[in-house]
C-alpha atoms as a PDB file:
ATOM      1  CA  MET A   1     -63.545  64.506 -96.366  1.00  0.00           C
ATOM      2  CA  SER A   2     -60.145  62.572 -96.750  1.00  0.00           C
ATOM      3  CA  GLN A   3     -57.267  63.352 -98.996  1.00  0.00           C
ATOM      4  CA  GLU A   4     -58.672  59.924-101.207  1.00  0.00           C
ATOM      5  CA  GLU A   5     -61.790  62.195-101.427  1.00  0.00           C
ATOM      6  CA  LEU A   6     -60.567  65.396-102.683  1.00  0.00           C
ATOM      7  CA  PHE A   7     -62.013  66.922-105.881  1.00  0.00           C
ATOM      8  CA  HIS A   8     -59.776  66.208-108.924  1.00  0.00           C
ATOM      9  CA  ALA A   9     -59.624  68.702-111.597  1.00  0.00           C
ATOM     10  CA  ARG A  10     -56.189  69.655-112.874  1.00  0.00           C
ATOM     11  CA  SER A  11     -56.913  72.450-115.091  1.00  0.00           C
ATOM     12  CA  TRP A  12     -59.454  75.450-114.635  1.00  0.00           C
ATOM     13  CA  LEU A  13     -59.821  77.462-117.689  1.00  0.00           C
ATOM     14  CA  PHE A  14     -61.563  80.922-117.677  1.00  0.00           C
ATOM     15  CA  ALA A  15     -63.497  82.045-120.951  1.00  0.00           C
ATOM     16  CA  PRO A  16     -65.551  85.442-121.012  1.00  0.00           C
ATOM     17  CA  GLY A  17     -69.198  85.097-120.571  1.00  0.00           C
ATOM     18  CA  ASP A  18     -69.712  87.616-123.159  1.00  0.00           C
ATOM     19  CA  SER A  19     -68.050  85.833-126.107  1.00  0.00           C
ATOM     20  CA  GLU A  20     -70.126  82.717-127.252  1.00  0.00           C
ATOM     21  CA  ARG A  21     -66.869  81.909-129.625  1.00  0.00           C
ATOM     22  CA  LYS A  22     -64.411  82.039-126.571  1.00  0.00           C
ATOM     23  CA  MET A  23     -66.673  79.767-124.657  1.00  0.00           C
ATOM     24  CA  ASP A  24     -67.543  77.240-127.456  1.00  0.00           C
ATOM     25  CA  LYS A  25     -63.452  76.933-127.891  1.00  0.00           C
ATOM     26  CA  ALA A  26     -62.953  76.321-124.310  1.00  0.00           C
ATOM     27  CA  THR A  27     -65.261  73.936-124.058  1.00  0.00           C
ATOM     28  CA  ALA A  28     -64.566  72.014-126.848  1.00  0.00           C
ATOM     29  CA  GLY A  29     -60.541  72.015-125.518  1.00  0.00           C
ATOM     30  CA  ASN A  30     -58.995  69.549-122.712  1.00  0.00           C
ATOM     31  CA  ALA A  31     -59.569  71.452-119.616  1.00  0.00           C
ATOM     32  CA  ASP A  32     -60.672  69.482-116.603  1.00  0.00           C
ATOM     33  CA  ILE A  33     -63.234  72.558-115.795  1.00  0.00           C
ATOM     34  CA  VAL A  34     -64.155  75.358-117.882  1.00  0.00           C
ATOM     35  CA  ILE A  35     -65.225  78.768-116.029  1.00  0.00           C
ATOM     36  CA  PHE A  36     -67.433  81.131-118.131  1.00  0.00           C
ATOM     37  CA  ASP A  37     -66.755  84.302-116.216  1.00  0.00           C
ATOM     38  CA  LEU A  38     -68.858  87.039-115.454  1.00  0.00           C
ATOM     39  CA  GLU A  39     -66.352  88.958-113.485  1.00  0.00           C
ATOM     40  CA  ASP A  40     -63.210  90.103-114.222  1.00  0.00           C
ATOM     41  CA  ALA A  41     -62.777  89.353-117.862  1.00  0.00           C
ATOM     42  CA  VAL A  42     -66.338  91.343-118.427  1.00  0.00           C
ATOM     43  CA  ALA A  43     -66.895  94.872-118.926  1.00  0.00           C
ATOM     44  CA  GLU A  44     -69.280  96.405-116.623  1.00  0.00           C
ATOM     45  CA  ALA A  45     -71.526  97.242-119.498  1.00  0.00           C
ATOM     46  CA  GLU A  46     -71.334  93.703-121.059  1.00  0.00           C
ATOM     47  CA  LYS A  47     -72.428  91.746-117.837  1.00  0.00           C
ATOM     48  CA  PRO A  48     -76.228  91.858-119.338  1.00  0.00           C
ATOM     49  CA  LYS A  49     -75.236  90.453-122.452  1.00  0.00           C
ATOM     50  CA  ALA A  50     -73.141  87.691-120.723  1.00  0.00           C
ATOM     51  CA  ARG A  51     -75.921  86.668-118.340  1.00  0.00           C
ATOM     52  CA  GLU A  52     -78.031  85.830-121.605  1.00  0.00           C
ATOM     53  CA  LEU A  53     -75.225  84.231-122.967  1.00  0.00           C
ATOM     54  CA  ILE A  54     -74.136  81.583-120.662  1.00  0.00           C
ATOM     55  CA  PRO A  55     -77.487  80.082-119.675  1.00  0.00           C
ATOM     56  CA  ALA A  56     -78.389  79.968-123.240  1.00  0.00           C
ATOM     57  CA  PHE A  57     -74.738  78.399-123.766  1.00  0.00           C
ATOM     58  CA  LEU A  58     -74.836  76.109-121.231  1.00  0.00           C
ATOM     59  CA  ASN A  59     -78.701  74.621-122.212  1.00  0.00           C
ATOM     60  CA  ALA A  60     -77.022  73.739-125.583  1.00  0.00           C
ATOM     61  CA  GLN A  61     -74.598  71.566-124.057  1.00  0.00           C
ATOM     62  CA  GLY A  62     -75.334  67.771-123.192  1.00  0.00           C
ATOM     63  CA  ASP A  63     -76.947  66.574-119.791  1.00  0.00           C
ATOM     64  CA  ASP A  64     -73.328  66.339-118.042  1.00  0.00           C
ATOM     65  CA  ARG A  65     -72.424  69.697-117.512  1.00  0.00           C
ATOM     66  CA  SER A  66     -70.166  68.925-114.229  1.00  0.00           C
ATOM     67  CA  ARG A  67     -67.111  70.419-115.976  1.00  0.00           C
ATOM     68  CA  LEU A  68     -68.696  73.865-117.078  1.00  0.00           C
ATOM     69  CA  TRP A  69     -68.630  76.406-114.268  1.00  0.00           C
ATOM     70  CA  VAL A  70     -69.271  80.146-113.889  1.00  0.00           C
ATOM     71  CA  ARG A  71     -67.563  82.709-111.890  1.00  0.00           C
ATOM     72  CA  ILE A  72     -69.985  85.295-110.625  1.00  0.00           C
ATOM     73  CA  ASN A  73     -69.249  88.733-109.301  1.00  0.00           C
ATOM     74  CA  PRO A  74     -68.203  89.044-105.472  1.00  0.00           C
ATOM     75  CA  LEU A  75     -71.004  88.947-102.805  1.00  0.00           C
ATOM     76  CA  GLN A  76     -70.068  92.778-101.595  1.00  0.00           C
ATOM     77  CA  GLY A  77     -70.986  94.048-104.737  1.00  0.00           C
ATOM     78  CA  PRO A  78     -74.552  94.523-106.666  1.00  0.00           C
ATOM     79  CA  HIS A  79     -74.046  91.626-109.283  1.00  0.00           C
ATOM     80  CA  ALA A  80     -73.715  88.554-107.355  1.00  0.00           C
ATOM     81  CA  LEU A  81     -77.541  87.636-106.639  1.00  0.00           C
ATOM     82  CA  THR A  82     -78.497  88.597-110.533  1.00  0.00           C
ATOM     83  CA  ASP A  83     -75.892  86.380-111.675  1.00  0.00           C
ATOM     84  CA  LEU A  84     -76.626  83.632-110.193  1.00  0.00           C
ATOM     85  CA  ALA A  85     -80.416  84.151-111.004  1.00  0.00           C
ATOM     86  CA  ALA A  86     -79.506  84.521-114.442  1.00  0.00           C
ATOM     87  CA  VAL A  87     -77.092  81.234-115.054  1.00  0.00           C
ATOM     88  CA  MET A  88     -78.747  78.694-112.842  1.00  0.00           C
ATOM     89  CA  PRO A  89     -81.349  77.864-115.278  1.00  0.00           C
ATOM     90  CA  GLY A  90     -78.335  76.706-117.358  1.00  0.00           C
ATOM     91  CA  ARG A  91     -77.425  74.094-114.587  1.00  0.00           C
ATOM     92  CA  PRO A  92     -73.894  74.649-114.155  1.00  0.00           C
ATOM     93  CA  GLY A  93     -71.849  72.098-112.703  1.00  0.00           C
ATOM     94  CA  GLY A  94     -70.247  74.717-110.321  1.00  0.00           C
ATOM     95  CA  ILE A  95     -69.539  78.181-109.178  1.00  0.00           C
ATOM     96  CA  MET A  96     -66.679  80.016-108.430  1.00  0.00           C
ATOM     97  CA  LEU A  97     -67.011  82.796-105.694  1.00  0.00           C
ATOM     98  CA  PRO A  98     -64.503  85.514-106.087  1.00  0.00           C
ATOM     99  CA  LYS A  99     -63.043  88.030-103.151  1.00  0.00           C
ATOM    100  CA  SER A 100     -64.546  85.672-100.639  1.00  0.00           C
ATOM    101  CA  GLN A 101     -63.848  87.190 -96.896  1.00  0.00           C
ATOM    102  CA  GLY A 102     -64.550  84.128 -95.078  1.00  0.00           C
ATOM    103  CA  PRO A 103     -66.593  81.058 -94.524  1.00  0.00           C
ATOM    104  CA  ALA A 104     -70.093  83.142 -93.891  1.00  0.00           C
ATOM    105  CA  ASP A 105     -69.769  83.974 -97.802  1.00  0.00           C
ATOM    106  CA  VAL A 106     -69.700  80.681 -98.635  1.00  0.00           C
ATOM    107  CA  GLU A 107     -72.708  79.826 -96.274  1.00  0.00           C
ATOM    108  CA  THR A 108     -74.616  83.043 -97.778  1.00  0.00           C
ATOM    109  CA  LEU A 109     -73.838  81.616-101.518  1.00  0.00           C
ATOM    110  CA  ASP A 110     -75.087  78.252-100.303  1.00  0.00           C
ATOM    111  CA  HIS A 111     -78.261  79.767 -99.220  1.00  0.00           C
ATOM    112  CA  TYR A 112     -78.670  81.299-102.564  1.00  0.00           C
ATOM    113  CA  LEU A 113     -77.596  78.303-104.515  1.00  0.00           C
ATOM    114  CA  SER A 114     -80.488  75.899-102.489  1.00  0.00           C
ATOM    115  CA  ALA A 115     -83.333  78.189-103.161  1.00  0.00           C
ATOM    116  CA  LEU A 116     -82.059  78.254-107.198  1.00  0.00           C
ATOM    117  CA  GLU A 117     -81.720  74.541-107.452  1.00  0.00           C
ATOM    118  CA  VAL A 118     -84.989  74.241-106.011  1.00  0.00           C
ATOM    119  CA  ALA A 119     -86.483  76.840-108.663  1.00  0.00           C
ATOM    120  CA  ASN A 120     -85.107  74.974-111.365  1.00  0.00           C
ATOM    121  CA  SER A 121     -85.322  71.420-110.672  1.00  0.00           C
ATOM    122  CA  ILE A 122     -81.731  70.869-109.685  1.00  0.00           C
ATOM    123  CA  GLU A 123     -80.774  68.229-107.314  1.00  0.00           C
ATOM    124  CA  PRO A 124     -80.510  70.002-103.954  1.00  0.00           C
ATOM    125  CA  GLY A 125     -76.646  70.528-102.941  1.00  0.00           C
ATOM    126  CA  SER A 126     -75.226  69.259-106.403  1.00  0.00           C
ATOM    127  CA  THR A 127     -73.851  72.731-107.376  1.00  0.00           C
ATOM    128  CA  ARG A 128     -70.098  72.893-105.936  1.00  0.00           C
ATOM    129  CA  VAL A 129     -68.335  75.661-105.179  1.00  0.00           C
ATOM    130  CA  ILE A 130     -64.941  76.788-105.264  1.00  0.00           C
ATOM    131  CA  ALA A 131     -63.592  80.169-103.302  1.00  0.00           C
ATOM    132  CA  LEU A 132     -60.874  82.782-104.096  1.00  0.00           C
ATOM    133  CA  VAL A 133     -59.890  83.455-100.703  1.00  0.00           C
ATOM    134  CA  THR A 134     -56.699  86.038-100.906  1.00  0.00           C
ATOM    135  CA  GLU A 135     -57.869  88.608-103.158  1.00  0.00           C
ATOM    136  CA  THR A 136     -59.059  90.937-100.261  1.00  0.00           C
ATOM    137  CA  ALA A 137     -57.137  91.827 -97.178  1.00  0.00           C
ATOM    138  CA  GLU A 138     -60.157  90.661 -94.954  1.00  0.00           C
ATOM    139  CA  GLY A 139     -60.004  87.252 -96.594  1.00  0.00           C
ATOM    140  CA  MET A 140     -56.179  86.599 -95.748  1.00  0.00           C
ATOM    141  CA  PHE A 141     -57.113  86.072 -92.211  1.00  0.00           C
ATOM    142  CA  THR A 142     -59.634  83.388 -92.728  1.00  0.00           C
ATOM    143  CA  THR A 143     -58.105  81.299 -94.780  1.00  0.00           C
ATOM    144  CA  GLY A 144     -58.007  78.577 -92.478  1.00  0.00           C
ATOM    145  CA  GLN A 145     -61.600  78.737 -91.295  1.00  0.00           C
ATOM    146  CA  TYR A 146     -63.277  76.853 -94.381  1.00  0.00           C
ATOM    147  CA  ALA A 147     -63.278  73.440 -92.958  1.00  0.00           C
ATOM    148  CA  GLY A 148     -67.092  72.305 -93.072  1.00  0.00           C
ATOM    149  CA  SER A 149     -68.377  75.040 -95.431  1.00  0.00           C
ATOM    150  CA  PRO A 150     -71.096  73.675 -97.770  1.00  0.00           C
ATOM    151  CA  ARG A 151     -70.593  72.330-101.082  1.00  0.00           C
ATOM    152  CA  LEU A 152     -66.703  73.897-101.086  1.00  0.00           C
ATOM    153  CA  VAL A 153     -64.374  71.546-102.927  1.00  0.00           C
ATOM    154  CA  ALA A 154     -61.604  73.810-103.581  1.00  0.00           C
ATOM    155  CA  LEU A 155     -59.841  77.052-102.728  1.00  0.00           C
ATOM    156  CA  SER A 156     -57.706  78.934-104.878  1.00  0.00           C
ATOM    157  CA  TRP A 157     -55.831  82.498-104.370  1.00  0.00           C
ATOM    158  CA  GLY A 158     -55.092  85.552-106.255  1.00  0.00           C
ATOM    159  CA  ALA A 159     -52.231  88.074-106.027  1.00  0.00           C
ATOM    160  CA  GLU A 160     -53.579  91.214-108.330  1.00  0.00           C
ATOM    161  CA  ASP A 161     -56.393  91.964-106.784  1.00  0.00           C
ATOM    162  CA  LEU A 162     -54.869  91.519-103.479  1.00  0.00           C
ATOM    163  CA  ALA A 163     -52.237  94.132-104.788  1.00  0.00           C
ATOM    164  CA  ASP A 164     -54.932  96.568-105.255  1.00  0.00           C
ATOM    165  CA  ALA A 165     -56.376  96.078-102.091  1.00  0.00           C
ATOM    166  CA  VAL A 166     -53.292  96.724-100.328  1.00  0.00           C
ATOM    167  CA  GLY A 167     -52.290  99.592-102.388  1.00  0.00           C
ATOM    168  CA  ALA A 168     -49.154  97.923-103.588  1.00  0.00           C
ATOM    169  CA  SER A 169     -47.803  99.128-107.134  1.00  0.00           C
ATOM    170  CA  GLU A 170     -45.965  95.763-107.645  1.00  0.00           C
ATOM    171  CA  ASN A 171     -46.571  92.298-106.459  1.00  0.00           C
ATOM    172  CA  ARG A 172     -43.443  90.689-107.997  1.00  0.00           C
ATOM    173  CA  ASN A 173     -39.531  91.251-107.019  1.00  0.00           C
ATOM    174  CA  PRO A 174     -36.841  92.119-109.552  1.00  0.00           C
ATOM    175  CA  ASP A 175     -36.568  88.640-110.634  1.00  0.00           C
ATOM    176  CA  GLY A 176     -39.993  87.950-111.342  1.00  0.00           C
ATOM    177  CA  SER A 177     -41.000  85.951-108.238  1.00  0.00           C
ATOM    178  CA  TYR A 178     -43.856  86.938-106.207  1.00  0.00           C
ATOM    179  CA  GLY A 179     -42.993  89.193-103.501  1.00  0.00           C
ATOM    180  CA  PHE A 180     -43.520  88.108 -99.452  1.00  0.00           C
ATOM    181  CA  THR A 181     -47.601  89.243 -99.307  1.00  0.00           C
ATOM    182  CA  TYR A 182     -48.305  87.106-102.222  1.00  0.00           C
ATOM    183  CA  GLU A 183     -46.040  84.046-101.397  1.00  0.00           C
ATOM    184  CA  LEU A 184     -47.811  84.268 -98.080  1.00  0.00           C
ATOM    185  CA  ALA A 185     -51.094  84.146 -99.845  1.00  0.00           C
ATOM    186  CA  ARG A 186     -50.010  81.166-101.987  1.00  0.00           C
ATOM    187  CA  SER A 187     -48.991  79.440 -98.511  1.00  0.00           C
ATOM    188  CA  LEU A 188     -52.273  80.554 -96.962  1.00  0.00           C
ATOM    189  CA  CYS A 189     -54.435  78.945 -99.488  1.00  0.00           C
ATOM    190  CA  LEU A 190     -52.638  75.345 -99.574  1.00  0.00           C
ATOM    191  CA  LEU A 191     -52.806  75.393 -95.887  1.00  0.00           C
ATOM    192  CA  GLY A 192     -56.687  76.668 -95.458  1.00  0.00           C
ATOM    193  CA  SER A 193     -57.104  73.972 -98.193  1.00  0.00           C
ATOM    194  CA  ALA A 194     -55.238  70.986 -95.922  1.00  0.00           C
ATOM    195  CA  ALA A 195     -57.133  72.312 -92.871  1.00  0.00           C
ATOM    196  CA  ALA A 196     -60.625  71.955 -94.836  1.00  0.00           C
ATOM    197  CA  GLY A 197     -59.618  68.584 -96.782  1.00  0.00           C
ATOM    198  CA  ILE A 198     -60.293  70.261 -99.935  1.00  0.00           C
ATOM    199  CA  ALA A 199     -58.148  71.000-102.836  1.00  0.00           C
ATOM    200  CA  ALA A 200     -55.884  73.524-103.713  1.00  0.00           C
ATOM    201  CA  VAL A 201     -55.761  75.140-106.982  1.00  0.00           C
ATOM    202  CA  GLU A 202     -52.894  77.708-108.028  1.00  0.00           C
ATOM    203  CA  THR A 203     -53.605  81.032-109.505  1.00  0.00           C
ATOM    204  CA  ILE A 204     -52.851  82.136-113.035  1.00  0.00           C
ATOM    205  CA  HIS A 205     -49.588  82.177-115.089  1.00  0.00           C
ATOM    206  CA  GLY A 206     -50.338  85.345-116.581  1.00  0.00           C
ATOM    207  CA  ASP A 207     -47.981  85.410-119.482  1.00  0.00           C
ATOM    208  CA  PHE A 208     -49.930  82.706-121.682  1.00  0.00           C
ATOM    209  CA  ARG A 209     -46.802  82.580-124.030  1.00  0.00           C
ATOM    210  CA  ASP A 210     -44.468  81.136-121.333  1.00  0.00           C
ATOM    211  CA  LEU A 211     -45.232  77.816-121.545  1.00  0.00           C
ATOM    212  CA  ASP A 212     -41.864  76.672-120.199  1.00  0.00           C
ATOM    213  CA  GLY A 213     -42.233  79.059-117.193  1.00  0.00           C
ATOM    214  CA  LEU A 214     -45.633  77.671-116.577  1.00  0.00           C
ATOM    215  CA  ARG A 215     -44.596  74.004-116.819  1.00  0.00           C
ATOM    216  CA  GLU A 216     -41.866  74.353-114.514  1.00  0.00           C
ATOM    217  CA  ARG A 217     -44.290  76.277-111.975  1.00  0.00           C
ATOM    218  CA  ALA A 218     -47.108  74.091-112.550  1.00  0.00           C
ATOM    219  CA  ILE A 219     -44.725  71.016-111.701  1.00  0.00           C
ATOM    220  CA  ARG A 220     -43.386  73.055-108.805  1.00  0.00           C
ATOM    221  CA  VAL A 221     -46.752  73.574-107.056  1.00  0.00           C
ATOM    222  CA  ARG A 222     -48.091  70.418-107.902  1.00  0.00           C
ATOM    223  CA  LYS A 223     -45.154  68.910-105.755  1.00  0.00           C
ATOM    224  CA  ALA A 224     -45.631  71.391-102.692  1.00  0.00           C
ATOM    225  CA  GLY A 225     -49.600  70.407-102.362  1.00  0.00           C
ATOM    226  CA  PHE A 226     -51.577  72.146-104.992  1.00  0.00           C
ATOM    227  CA  ARG A 227     -53.695  69.825-106.993  1.00  0.00           C
ATOM    228  CA  GLY A 228     -54.547  71.898-110.158  1.00  0.00           C
ATOM    229  CA  MET A 229     -54.243  75.382-111.635  1.00  0.00           C
ATOM    230  CA  LEU A 230     -56.119  78.114-113.358  1.00  0.00           C
ATOM    231  CA  ALA A 231     -55.691  79.191-116.969  1.00  0.00           C
ATOM    232  CA  ILE A 232     -56.691  82.306-118.808  1.00  0.00           C
ATOM    233  CA  HIS A 233     -56.045  80.743-122.476  1.00  0.00           C
ATOM    234  CA  PRO A 234     -56.320  77.509-124.085  1.00  0.00           C
ATOM    235  CA  ALA A 235     -52.791  76.768-124.890  1.00  0.00           C
ATOM    236  CA  GLN A 236     -51.728  76.550-121.115  1.00  0.00           C
ATOM    237  CA  VAL A 237     -54.346  73.461-120.563  1.00  0.00           C
ATOM    238  CA  ASP A 238     -52.333  70.629-122.012  1.00  0.00           C
ATOM    239  CA  VAL A 239     -49.367  72.113-120.365  1.00  0.00           C
ATOM    240  CA  ILE A 240     -51.127  72.108-116.871  1.00  0.00           C
ATOM    241  CA  ASN A 241     -52.954  68.697-117.319  1.00  0.00           C
ATOM    242  CA  GLU A 242     -49.220  66.878-117.774  1.00  0.00           C
ATOM    243  CA  ALA A 243     -48.020  69.134-115.002  1.00  0.00           C
ATOM    244  CA  PHE A 244     -50.487  67.637-112.617  1.00  0.00           C
ATOM    245  CA  SER A 245     -50.170  64.064-114.142  1.00  0.00           C
ATOM    246  CA  PRO A 246     -47.412  62.532-112.019  1.00  0.00           C
ATOM    247  CA  SER A 247     -44.501  61.174-114.113  1.00  0.00           C
ATOM    248  CA  GLU A 248     -43.931  57.734-114.571  1.00  0.00           C
ATOM    249  CA  GLU A 249     -40.814  57.843-112.892  1.00  0.00           C
ATOM    250  CA  GLU A 250     -42.684  59.487-109.717  1.00  0.00           C
ATOM    251  CA  LEU A 251     -45.504  56.563-110.383  1.00  0.00           C
ATOM    252  CA  ALA A 252     -42.622  53.902-110.024  1.00  0.00           C
ATOM    253  CA  GLU A 253     -41.072  54.932-106.913  1.00  0.00           C
ATOM    254  CA  ALA A 254     -44.361  55.480-105.490  1.00  0.00           C
ATOM    255  CA  ARG A 255     -45.457  51.971-105.985  1.00  0.00           C
ATOM    256  CA  ALA A 256     -41.877  50.763-104.871  1.00  0.00           C
ATOM    257  CA  ILE A 257     -42.310  52.431-101.896  1.00  0.00           C
ATOM    258  CA  VAL A 258     -45.963  51.235-100.967  1.00  0.00           C
ATOM    259  CA  ASP A 259     -44.692  47.619-102.051  1.00  0.00           C
ATOM    260  CA  LEU A 260     -41.961  47.875 -99.664  1.00  0.00           C
ATOM    261  CA  PHE A 261     -44.090  48.780 -96.763  1.00  0.00           C
ATOM    262  CA  ALA A 262     -46.458  46.059 -97.581  1.00  0.00           C
ATOM    263  CA  ALA A 263     -43.967  43.728 -97.376  1.00  0.00           C
ATOM    264  CA  ASN A 264     -42.653  44.659 -94.239  1.00  0.00           C
ATOM    265  CA  PRO A 265     -46.222  45.462 -92.522  1.00  0.00           C
ATOM    266  CA  GLY A 266     -44.657  46.042 -88.669  1.00  0.00           C
ATOM    267  CA  ALA A 267     -41.696  48.295 -89.850  1.00  0.00           C
ATOM    268  CA  GLY A 268     -41.800  51.831 -88.795  1.00  0.00           C
ATOM    269  CA  THR A 269     -39.101  52.706 -90.586  1.00  0.00           C
ATOM    270  CA  ILE A 270     -37.479  51.304 -93.900  1.00  0.00           C
ATOM    271  CA  GLY A 271     -34.053  51.882 -95.844  1.00  0.00           C
ATOM    272  CA  TYR A 272     -34.688  52.660 -99.440  1.00  0.00           C
ATOM    273  CA  ASN A 273     -32.167  53.985-101.969  1.00  0.00           C
ATOM    274  CA  GLY A 274     -29.998  55.405 -99.331  1.00  0.00           C
ATOM    275  CA  ALA A 275     -32.654  56.988 -97.004  1.00  0.00           C
ATOM    276  CA  MET A 276     -34.758  56.065 -94.145  1.00  0.00           C
ATOM    277  CA  LEU A 277     -38.195  56.244 -95.080  1.00  0.00           C
ATOM    278  CA  ASP A 278     -41.290  56.279 -92.326  1.00  0.00           C
ATOM    279  CA  ARG A 279     -45.034  56.577 -92.422  1.00  0.00           C
ATOM    280  CA  PRO A 280     -45.558  59.927 -94.136  1.00  0.00           C
ATOM    281  CA  HIS A 281     -43.383  58.597 -97.034  1.00  0.00           C
ATOM    282  CA  LEU A 282     -46.076  55.697 -97.608  1.00  0.00           C
ATOM    283  CA  ALA A 283     -48.856  58.192 -97.239  1.00  0.00           C
ATOM    284  CA  ARG A 284     -47.229  60.528 -99.790  1.00  0.00           C
ATOM    285  CA  ALA A 285     -46.422  57.753-101.972  1.00  0.00           C
ATOM    286  CA  GLN A 286     -50.344  56.383-101.835  1.00  0.00           C
ATOM    287  CA  ALA A 287     -51.690  59.870-102.360  1.00  0.00           C
ATOM    288  CA  LEU A 288     -49.594  60.100-105.274  1.00  0.00           C
ATOM    289  CA  LEU A 289     -51.157  56.996-106.600  1.00  0.00           C
ATOM    290  CA  LYS A 290     -54.480  58.048-105.783  1.00  0.00           C
ATOM    291  CA  LEU A 291     -53.725  61.397-107.970  1.00  0.00           C
ATOM    292  CA  ALA A 292     -52.856  59.372-110.816  1.00  0.00           C
ATOM    293  CA  GLY A 293     -55.866  57.091-110.745  1.00  0.00           C
ATOM    294  CA  GLN A 294     -53.401  53.656-109.962  1.00  0.00           C
ATOM    295  CA  ALA A 295     -54.291  53.317-106.115  1.00  0.00           C
END
């Protein structure tokens, strides 16, 4: 999959699957993707209830459920297959796979989904997958191996489960930034996504009241190469959508660079605003315009 074909979704909003009210509120908002959660947001005793509510809610929606996804429980635990059997009759647009330890997990999920698509008269292969790839120590070592994984359109990363996995009592520096191990997780997610030719999605911003901090971080990671961001509260969605939509100033500069190279097709480097630009600058400008839907 080329960069021009990257799955495009800016905001990925979680909603607990045991709350019809919260699922309804999330669906009614502006999130590009809504993820009904069966994992961390649902207590063990409430998982059976959530498995009933989610497919019922999905079936009450229109025919196009492509933006309505479900996060199942990890494949390594006792719940994943039960989760899938419960929610697939609701025809979700995609599945989030938590605590993925490598491409073998995505392949196992593909086998499950293939059987359940047939059983529920769903178009084979149409259920997409995003994998959370840094929530376990094992997963950190396989982030670059996802190329060719079936159904996979994006990778994201997590810091809280990784801290638990390594026995850390804290995953942040005194200034609030992530510690080295967790910045490494972010970088490995980004590099693994690029190696696989799929989208990288930034992890959550835990303080949902800190919209200024969210905006600053979202803009920074978008410029670094991420294509979207997870959200835990509806108030975060519009900020994320705006941050992952290039500004008019950025678009104007990208158009100028594209036009400049088009006017000089034989040039390897071109002077622009006091700097020398080469073909990677052109590729980035074209990608930015594509991201904005203006190519």
